[in-house]
């Protein structure tokens, strides 16, 4: 009897990259280069122009080992418009 292939336990895994403090563009590149997909991106307003579009939180955390093609979610700062 053949054992079906393609189960999650047989799928290749990778390590989630550290995207904290990176721009959203760099974060997206790092995520896809590591063979994951960009998941949910949340935003929080900031009046600090030096922090605009920078990642301040990610899930899962960097260094986490998980199956490739799984989503990496993150939160970034967006410009504050009063």
PDB file of N, CA and C in Angstrom:
ATOM      1  N   UNK A   1       0.842  -1.171   0.000  1.00  0.00           N
ATOM      2  CA  UNK A   1       0.000   0.000   0.000  1.00  0.00           C
ATOM      3  C   UNK A   1       0.891   1.238   0.000  1.00  0.00           C
ATOM      4  N   UNK A   2       0.612   2.169  -0.883  1.00  0.00           N
ATOM      5  CA  UNK A   2       1.419   3.381  -1.002  1.00  0.00           C
ATOM      6  C   UNK A   2       1.020   4.390   0.069  1.00  0.00           C
ATOM      7  N   UNK A   3       2.023   5.099   0.553  1.00  0.00           N
ATOM      8  CA  UNK A   3       1.770   6.167   1.523  1.00  0.00           C
ATOM      9  C   UNK A   3       1.652   7.465   0.744  1.00  0.00           C
ATOM     10  N   UNK A   4       0.566   8.204   0.941  1.00  0.00           N
ATOM     11  CA  UNK A   4       0.398   9.452   0.185  1.00  0.00           C
ATOM     12  C   UNK A   4       1.485  10.459   0.542  1.00  0.00           C
ATOM     13  N   UNK A   5       1.995  11.128  -0.471  1.00  0.00           N
ATOM     14  CA  UNK A   5       3.007  12.152  -0.223  1.00  0.00           C
ATOM     15  C   UNK A   5       2.332  13.512  -0.149  1.00  0.00           C
ATOM     16  N   UNK A   6       3.093  14.495   0.285  1.00  0.00           N
ATOM     17  CA  UNK A   6       2.562  15.844   0.322  1.00  0.00           C
ATOM     18  C   UNK A   6       1.954  16.232   1.656  1.00  0.00           C
ATOM     19  N   UNK A   7       2.114  15.391   2.670  1.00  0.00           N
ATOM     20  CA  UNK A   7       1.582  15.789   3.973  1.00  0.00           C
ATOM     21  C   UNK A   7       2.423  16.923   4.535  1.00  0.00           C
ATOM     22  N   UNK A   8       1.856  17.675   5.464  1.00  0.00           N
ATOM     23  CA  UNK A   8       2.558  18.827   6.048  1.00  0.00           C
ATOM     24  C   UNK A   8       3.878  18.413   6.680  1.00  0.00           C
ATOM     25  N   UNK A   9       3.964  17.205   7.240  1.00  0.00           N
ATOM     26  CA  UNK A   9       5.197  16.769   7.883  1.00  0.00           C
ATOM     27  C   UNK A   9       6.326  16.570   6.878  1.00  0.00           C
ATOM     28  N   UNK A  10       5.997  16.343   5.621  1.00  0.00           N
ATOM     29  CA  UNK A  10       7.009  16.132   4.599  1.00  0.00           C
ATOM     30  C   UNK A  10       7.361  17.415   3.861  1.00  0.00           C
ATOM     31  N   UNK A  11       6.539  18.457   4.006  1.00  0.00           N
ATOM     32  CA  UNK A  11       6.790  19.709   3.310  1.00  0.00           C
ATOM     33  C   UNK A  11       8.050  20.366   3.852  1.00  0.00           C
ATOM     34  N   UNK A  12       8.800  21.020   2.984  1.00  0.00           N
ATOM     35  CA  UNK A  12      10.010  21.698   3.451  1.00  0.00           C
ATOM     36  C   UNK A  12       9.684  22.851   4.389  1.00  0.00           C
ATOM     37  N   UNK A  13      10.607  23.092   5.301  1.00  0.00           N
ATOM     38  CA  UNK A  13      10.438  24.173   6.267  1.00  0.00           C
ATOM     39  C   UNK A  13      11.534  25.205   6.083  1.00  0.00           C
ATOM     40  N   UNK A  14      11.295  26.373   6.632  1.00  0.00           N
ATOM     41  CA  UNK A  14      12.276  27.443   6.587  1.00  0.00           C
ATOM     42  C   UNK A  14      12.211  28.234   7.884  1.00  0.00           C
ATOM     43  N   UNK A  15      13.131  29.173   8.023  1.00  0.00           N
ATOM     44  CA  UNK A  15      13.195  30.015   9.208  1.00  0.00           C
ATOM     45  C   UNK A  15      12.699  31.409   8.854  1.00  0.00           C
ATOM     46  N   UNK A  16      11.788  31.914   9.643  1.00  0.00           N
ATOM     47  CA  UNK A  16      11.205  33.231   9.409  1.00  0.00           C
ATOM     48  C   UNK A  16      12.286  34.301   9.596  1.00  0.00           C
ATOM     49  N   UNK A  17      12.427  35.204   8.609  1.00  0.00           N
ATOM     50  CA  UNK A  17      13.448  36.251   8.723  1.00  0.00           C
ATOM     51  C   UNK A  17      13.046  37.355   9.707  1.00  0.00           C
ATOM     52  N   UNK A  18      14.034  38.085  10.188  1.00  0.00           N
ATOM     53  CA  UNK A  18      13.783  39.245  11.043  1.00  0.00           C
ATOM     54  C   UNK A  18      13.494  40.436  10.142  1.00  0.00           C
ATOM     55  N   UNK A  19      12.276  40.951  10.214  1.00  0.00           N
ATOM     56  CA  UNK A  19      11.897  42.102   9.383  1.00  0.00           C
ATOM     57  C   UNK A  19      11.652  43.356  10.214  1.00  0.00           C
ATOM     58  N   UNK A  20      11.862  43.267  11.523  1.00  0.00           N
ATOM     59  CA  UNK A  20      11.639  44.420  12.395  1.00  0.00           C
ATOM     60  C   UNK A  20      12.542  45.580  12.005  1.00  0.00           C
ATOM     61  N   UNK A  21      11.990  46.769  12.016  1.00  0.00           N
ATOM     62  CA  UNK A  21      12.632  48.054  11.679  1.00  0.00           C
ATOM     63  C   UNK A  21      12.923  48.214  10.185  1.00  0.00           C
ATOM     64  N   UNK A  22      12.573  47.246   9.374  1.00  0.00           N
ATOM     65  CA  UNK A  22      12.788  47.376   7.929  1.00  0.00           C
ATOM     66  C   UNK A  22      11.606  48.090   7.292  1.00  0.00           C
ATOM     67  N   UNK A  23      11.827  48.636   6.108  1.00  0.00           N
ATOM     68  CA  UNK A  23      10.723  49.240   5.367  1.00  0.00           C
ATOM     69  C   UNK A  23       9.775  48.125   4.932  1.00  0.00           C
ATOM     70  N   UNK A  24       8.545  48.494   4.624  1.00  0.00           N
ATOM     71  CA  UNK A  24       7.598  47.473   4.179  1.00  0.00           C
ATOM     72  C   UNK A  24       8.066  46.810   2.887  1.00  0.00           C
ATOM     73  N   UNK A  25       8.708  47.562   2.014  1.00  0.00           N
ATOM     74  CA  UNK A  25       9.213  46.993   0.761  1.00  0.00           C
ATOM     75  C   UNK A  25      10.295  45.955   1.040  1.00  0.00           C
ATOM     76  N   UNK A  26      11.237  46.286   1.918  1.00  0.00           N
ATOM     77  CA  UNK A  26      12.302  45.347   2.273  1.00  0.00           C
ATOM     78  C   UNK A  26      11.740  44.132   3.000  1.00  0.00           C
ATOM     79  N   UNK A  27      10.750  44.354   3.864  1.00  0.00           N
ATOM     80  CA  UNK A  27      10.121  43.244   4.585  1.00  0.00           C
ATOM     81  C   UNK A  27       9.465  42.273   3.610  1.00  0.00           C
ATOM     82  N   UNK A  28       8.718  42.795   2.647  1.00  0.00           N
ATOM     83  CA  UNK A  28       8.064  41.941   1.650  1.00  0.00           C
ATOM     84  C   UNK A  28       9.094  41.138   0.867  1.00  0.00           C
ATOM     85  N   UNK A  29      10.199  41.777   0.501  1.00  0.00           N
ATOM     86  CA  UNK A  29      11.264  41.086  -0.237  1.00  0.00           C
ATOM     87  C   UNK A  29      11.866  39.974   0.618  1.00  0.00           C
ATOM     88  N   UNK A  30      12.170  40.267   1.871  1.00  0.00           N
ATOM     89  CA  UNK A  30      12.755  39.253   2.756  1.00  0.00           C
ATOM     90  C   UNK A  30      11.808  38.071   2.959  1.00  0.00           C
ATOM     91  N   UNK A  31      10.534  38.360   3.115  1.00  0.00           N
ATOM     92  CA  UNK A  31       9.550  37.289   3.319  1.00  0.00           C
ATOM     93  C   UNK A  31       9.480  36.383   2.095  1.00  0.00           C
ATOM     94  N   UNK A  32       9.366  36.973   0.922  1.00  0.00           N
ATOM     95  CA  UNK A  32       9.227  36.150  -0.288  1.00  0.00           C
ATOM     96  C   UNK A  32      10.539  35.461  -0.666  1.00  0.00           C
ATOM     97  N   UNK A  33      11.663  36.097  -0.401  1.00  0.00           N
ATOM     98  CA  UNK A  33      12.959  35.460  -0.666  1.00  0.00           C
ATOM     99  C   UNK A  33      13.132  34.217   0.204  1.00  0.00           C
ATOM    100  N   UNK A  34      12.597  34.271   1.419  1.00  0.00           N
ATOM    101  CA  UNK A  34      12.672  33.126   2.333  1.00  0.00           C
ATOM    102  C   UNK A  34      11.625  32.058   2.000  1.00  0.00           C
ATOM    103  N   UNK A  35      10.854  32.279   0.939  1.00  0.00           N
ATOM    104  CA  UNK A  35       9.854  31.328   0.434  1.00  0.00           C
ATOM    105  C   UNK A  35       8.581  31.266   1.274  1.00  0.00           C
ATOM    106  N   UNK A  36       8.295  32.378   1.981  1.00  0.00           N
ATOM    107  CA  UNK A  36       7.025  32.510   2.678  1.00  0.00           C
ATOM    108  C   UNK A  36       6.170  33.485   1.882  1.00  0.00           C
ATOM    109  N   UNK A  37       4.954  33.734   2.330  1.00  0.00           N
ATOM    110  CA  UNK A  37       4.096  34.709   1.683  1.00  0.00           C
ATOM    111  C   UNK A  37       3.776  35.830   2.667  1.00  0.00           C
ATOM    112  N   UNK A  38       3.559  37.016   2.124  1.00  0.00           N
ATOM    113  CA  UNK A  38       3.178  38.144   2.951  1.00  0.00           C
ATOM    114  C   UNK A  38       1.730  37.926   3.384  1.00  0.00           C
ATOM    115  N   UNK A  39       1.520  37.973   4.684  1.00  0.00           N
ATOM    116  CA  UNK A  39       0.181  37.771   5.231  1.00  0.00           C
ATOM    117  C   UNK A  39      -0.521  39.103   5.433  1.00  0.00           C
ATOM    118  N   UNK A  40      -1.170  39.246   6.563  1.00  0.00           N
ATOM    119  CA  UNK A  40      -1.895  40.462   6.902  1.00  0.00           C
ATOM    120  C   UNK A  40      -0.921  41.557   7.299  1.00  0.00           C
ATOM    121  N   UNK A  41      -1.113  42.749   6.729  1.00  0.00           N
ATOM    122  CA  UNK A  41      -0.291  43.905   7.071  1.00  0.00           C
ATOM    123  C   UNK A  41      -1.197  44.929   7.744  1.00  0.00           C
ATOM    124  N   UNK A  42      -0.898  45.219   9.002  1.00  0.00           N
ATOM    125  CA  UNK A  42      -1.666  46.198   9.779  1.00  0.00           C
ATOM    126  C   UNK A  42      -0.870  47.493   9.857  1.00  0.00           C
ATOM    127  N   UNK A  43      -1.563  48.596  10.053  1.00  0.00           N
ATOM    128  CA  UNK A  43      -0.885  49.888  10.145  1.00  0.00           C
ATOM    129  C   UNK A  43      -1.292  50.629  11.409  1.00  0.00           C
ATOM    130  N   UNK A  44      -0.358  51.427  11.895  1.00  0.00           N
ATOM    131  CA  UNK A  44      -0.572  52.330  13.023  1.00  0.00           C
ATOM    132  C   UNK A  44       0.027  53.669  12.642  1.00  0.00           C
ATOM    133  N   UNK A  45      -0.717  54.735  12.882  1.00  0.00           N
ATOM    134  CA  UNK A  45      -0.245  56.074  12.510  1.00  0.00           C
ATOM    135  C   UNK A  45       0.897  56.540  13.403  1.00  0.00           C
ATOM    136  N   UNK A  46       1.822  57.283  12.797  1.00  0.00           N
ATOM    137  CA  UNK A  46       2.909  57.901  13.538  1.00  0.00           C
ATOM    138  C   UNK A  46       3.158  59.298  12.981  1.00  0.00           C
ATOM    139  N   UNK A  47       3.554  60.195  13.857  1.00  0.00           N
ATOM    140  CA  UNK A  47       3.935  61.542  13.408  1.00  0.00           C
ATOM    141  C   UNK A  47       5.440  61.640  13.219  1.00  0.00           C
ATOM    142  N   UNK A  48       6.170  60.567  13.515  1.00  0.00           N
ATOM    143  CA  UNK A  48       7.625  60.528  13.352  1.00  0.00           C
ATOM    144  C   UNK A  48       7.945  60.089  11.919  1.00  0.00           C
ATOM    145  N   UNK A  49       8.346  61.045  11.103  1.00  0.00           N
ATOM    146  CA  UNK A  49       8.598  60.761   9.681  1.00  0.00           C
ATOM    147  C   UNK A  49       9.680  59.709   9.480  1.00  0.00           C
ATOM    148  N   UNK A  50      10.596  59.553  10.436  1.00  0.00           N
ATOM    149  CA  UNK A  50      11.667  58.567  10.285  1.00  0.00           C
ATOM    150  C   UNK A  50      11.163  57.139  10.452  1.00  0.00           C
ATOM    151  N   UNK A  51       9.962  56.975  11.003  1.00  0.00           N
ATOM    152  CA  UNK A  51       9.410  55.635  11.234  1.00  0.00           C
ATOM    153  C   UNK A  51       8.361  55.213  10.211  1.00  0.00           C
ATOM    154  N   UNK A  52       7.977  56.121   9.328  1.00  0.00           N
ATOM    155  CA  UNK A  52       6.938  55.809   8.352  1.00  0.00           C
ATOM    156  C   UNK A  52       7.299  54.587   7.512  1.00  0.00           C
ATOM    157  N   UNK A  53       6.346  53.691   7.373  1.00  0.00           N
ATOM    158  CA  UNK A  53       6.462  52.455   6.591  1.00  0.00           C
ATOM    159  C   UNK A  53       7.482  51.473   7.139  1.00  0.00           C
ATOM    160  N   UNK A  54       7.883  51.636   8.394  1.00  0.00           N
ATOM    161  CA  UNK A  54       8.803  50.693   9.026  1.00  0.00           C
ATOM    162  C   UNK A  54       8.013  49.678   9.843  1.00  0.00           C
ATOM    163  N   UNK A  55       8.493  48.444   9.828  1.00  0.00           N
ATOM    164  CA  UNK A  55       7.847  47.353  10.549  1.00  0.00           C
ATOM    165  C   UNK A  55       8.187  47.439  12.035  1.00  0.00           C
ATOM    166  N   UNK A  56       7.153  47.340  12.900  1.00  0.00           N
ATOM    167  CA  UNK A  56       7.402  47.359  14.336  1.00  0.00           C
ATOM    168  C   UNK A  56       6.941  46.085  15.048  1.00  0.00           C
ATOM    169  N   UNK A  57       6.270  45.196  14.340  1.00  0.00           N
ATOM    170  CA  UNK A  57       5.853  43.915  14.935  1.00  0.00           C
ATOM    171  C   UNK A  57       5.691  42.887  13.823  1.00  0.00           C
ATOM    172  N   UNK A  58       5.977  41.639  14.147  1.00  0.00           N
ATOM    173  CA  UNK A  58       5.788  40.566  13.171  1.00  0.00           C
ATOM    174  C   UNK A  58       5.295  39.313  13.873  1.00  0.00           C
ATOM    175  N   UNK A  59       4.552  38.490  13.106  1.00  0.00           N
ATOM    176  CA  UNK A  59       4.028  37.238  13.618  1.00  0.00           C
ATOM    177  C   UNK A  59       3.999  36.231  12.479  1.00  0.00           C
ATOM    178  N   UNK A  60       4.684  35.134  12.611  1.00  0.00           N
ATOM    179  CA  UNK A  60       5.448  34.674  13.754  1.00  0.00           C
ATOM    180  C   UNK A  60       6.765  35.434  13.915  1.00  0.00           C
ATOM    181  N   UNK A  61       7.378  35.259  15.082  1.00  0.00           N
ATOM    182  CA  UNK A  61       8.629  35.941  15.399  1.00  0.00           C
ATOM    183  C   UNK A  61       9.766  35.431  14.506  1.00  0.00           C
ATOM    184  N   UNK A  62      10.759  36.288  14.328  1.00  0.00           N
ATOM    185  CA  UNK A  62      11.923  35.864  13.550  1.00  0.00           C
ATOM    186  C   UNK A  62      12.573  34.661  14.230  1.00  0.00           C
ATOM    187  N   UNK A  63      13.116  33.788  13.417  1.00  0.00           N
ATOM    188  CA  UNK A  63      13.753  32.582  13.932  1.00  0.00           C
ATOM    189  C   UNK A  63      12.812  31.399  14.068  1.00  0.00           C
ATOM    190  N   UNK A  64      11.508  31.631  13.920  1.00  0.00           N
ATOM    191  CA  UNK A  64      10.526  30.547  13.997  1.00  0.00           C
ATOM    192  C   UNK A  64      10.671  29.656  12.772  1.00  0.00           C
ATOM    193  N   UNK A  65      10.663  28.353  12.987  1.00  0.00           N
ATOM    194  CA  UNK A  65      10.708  27.420  11.863  1.00  0.00           C
ATOM    195  C   UNK A  65       9.279  27.021  11.525  1.00  0.00           C
ATOM    196  N   UNK A  66       8.930  27.149  10.232  1.00  0.00           N
ATOM    197  CA  UNK A  66       7.580  26.768   9.801  1.00  0.00           C
ATOM    198  C   UNK A  66       7.612  26.338   8.338  1.00  0.00           C
ATOM    199  N   UNK A  67       6.517  25.780   7.893  1.00  0.00           N
ATOM    200  CA  UNK A  67       6.418  25.293   6.518  1.00  0.00           C
ATOM    201  C   UNK A  67       6.519  26.463   5.535  1.00  0.00           C
ATOM    202  N   UNK A  68       7.222  26.226   4.441  1.00  0.00           N
ATOM    203  CA  UNK A  68       7.330  27.246   3.404  1.00  0.00           C
ATOM    204  C   UNK A  68       5.946  27.543   2.836  1.00  0.00           C
ATOM    205  N   UNK A  69       5.775  28.738   2.281  1.00  0.00           N
ATOM    206  CA  UNK A  69       4.528  29.218   1.690  1.00  0.00           C
ATOM    207  C   UNK A  69       3.473  29.567   2.738  1.00  0.00           C
ATOM    208  N   UNK A  70       3.838  29.556   4.014  1.00  0.00           N
ATOM    209  CA  UNK A  70       2.929  30.003   5.074  1.00  0.00           C
ATOM    210  C   UNK A  70       3.038  31.526   5.186  1.00  0.00           C
ATOM    211  N   UNK A  71       2.006  32.208   5.702  1.00  0.00           N
ATOM    212  CA  UNK A  71       2.046  33.671   5.778  1.00  0.00           C
ATOM    213  C   UNK A  71       2.857  34.202   6.960  1.00  0.00           C
ATOM    214  N   UNK A  72       3.513  35.329   6.717  1.00  0.00           N
ATOM    215  CA  UNK A  72       4.168  36.098   7.772  1.00  0.00           C
ATOM    216  C   UNK A  72       3.415  37.434   7.834  1.00  0.00           C
ATOM    217  N   UNK A  73       2.825  37.712   8.974  1.00  0.00           N
ATOM    218  CA  UNK A  73       2.052  38.936   9.181  1.00  0.00           C
ATOM    219  C   UNK A  73       2.936  39.983   9.846  1.00  0.00           C
ATOM    220  N   UNK A  74       2.639  41.250   9.582  1.00  0.00           N
ATOM    221  CA  UNK A  74       3.393  42.287  10.274  1.00  0.00           C
ATOM    222  C   UNK A  74       2.591  43.575  10.400  1.00  0.00           C
ATOM    223  N   UNK A  75       3.073  44.428  11.302  1.00  0.00           N
ATOM    224  CA  UNK A  75       2.485  45.755  11.519  1.00  0.00           C
ATOM    225  C   UNK A  75       3.534  46.794  11.204  1.00  0.00           C
ATOM    226  N   UNK A  76       3.094  47.879  10.553  1.00  0.00           N
ATOM    227  CA  UNK A  76       4.013  48.945  10.184  1.00  0.00           C
ATOM    228  C   UNK A  76       3.405  50.301  10.544  1.00  0.00           C
ATOM    229  N   UNK A  77       4.291  51.290  10.647  1.00  0.00           N
ATOM    230  CA  UNK A  77       3.835  52.647  10.894  1.00  0.00           C
ATOM    231  C   UNK A  77       3.436  53.291   9.576  1.00  0.00           C
ATOM    232  N   UNK A  78       2.376  54.077   9.615  1.00  0.00           N
ATOM    233  CA  UNK A  78       1.954  54.844   8.444  1.00  0.00           C
ATOM    234  C   UNK A  78       1.955  56.327   8.815  1.00  0.00           C
ATOM    235  N   UNK A  79       2.018  57.211   7.833  1.00  0.00           N
ATOM    236  CA  UNK A  79       2.032  58.647   8.127  1.00  0.00           C
ATOM    237  C   UNK A  79       0.781  59.077   8.882  1.00  0.00           C
ATOM    238  N   UNK A  80       0.968  59.985   9.804  1.00  0.00           N
ATOM    239  CA  UNK A  80      -0.148  60.559  10.557  1.00  0.00           C
ATOM    240  C   UNK A  80      -0.625  61.826   9.866  1.00  0.00           C
ATOM    241  N   UNK A  81      -1.919  61.853   9.566  1.00  0.00           N
ATOM    242  CA  UNK A  81      -2.520  63.036   8.950  1.00  0.00           C
ATOM    243  C   UNK A  81      -3.565  63.584   9.909  1.00  0.00           C
ATOM    244  N   UNK A  82      -3.273  64.728  10.549  1.00  0.00           N
ATOM    245  CA  UNK A  82      -4.228  65.283  11.538  1.00  0.00           C
ATOM    246  C   UNK A  82      -5.529  65.747  10.903  1.00  0.00           C
TER     247      UNK A  82
END
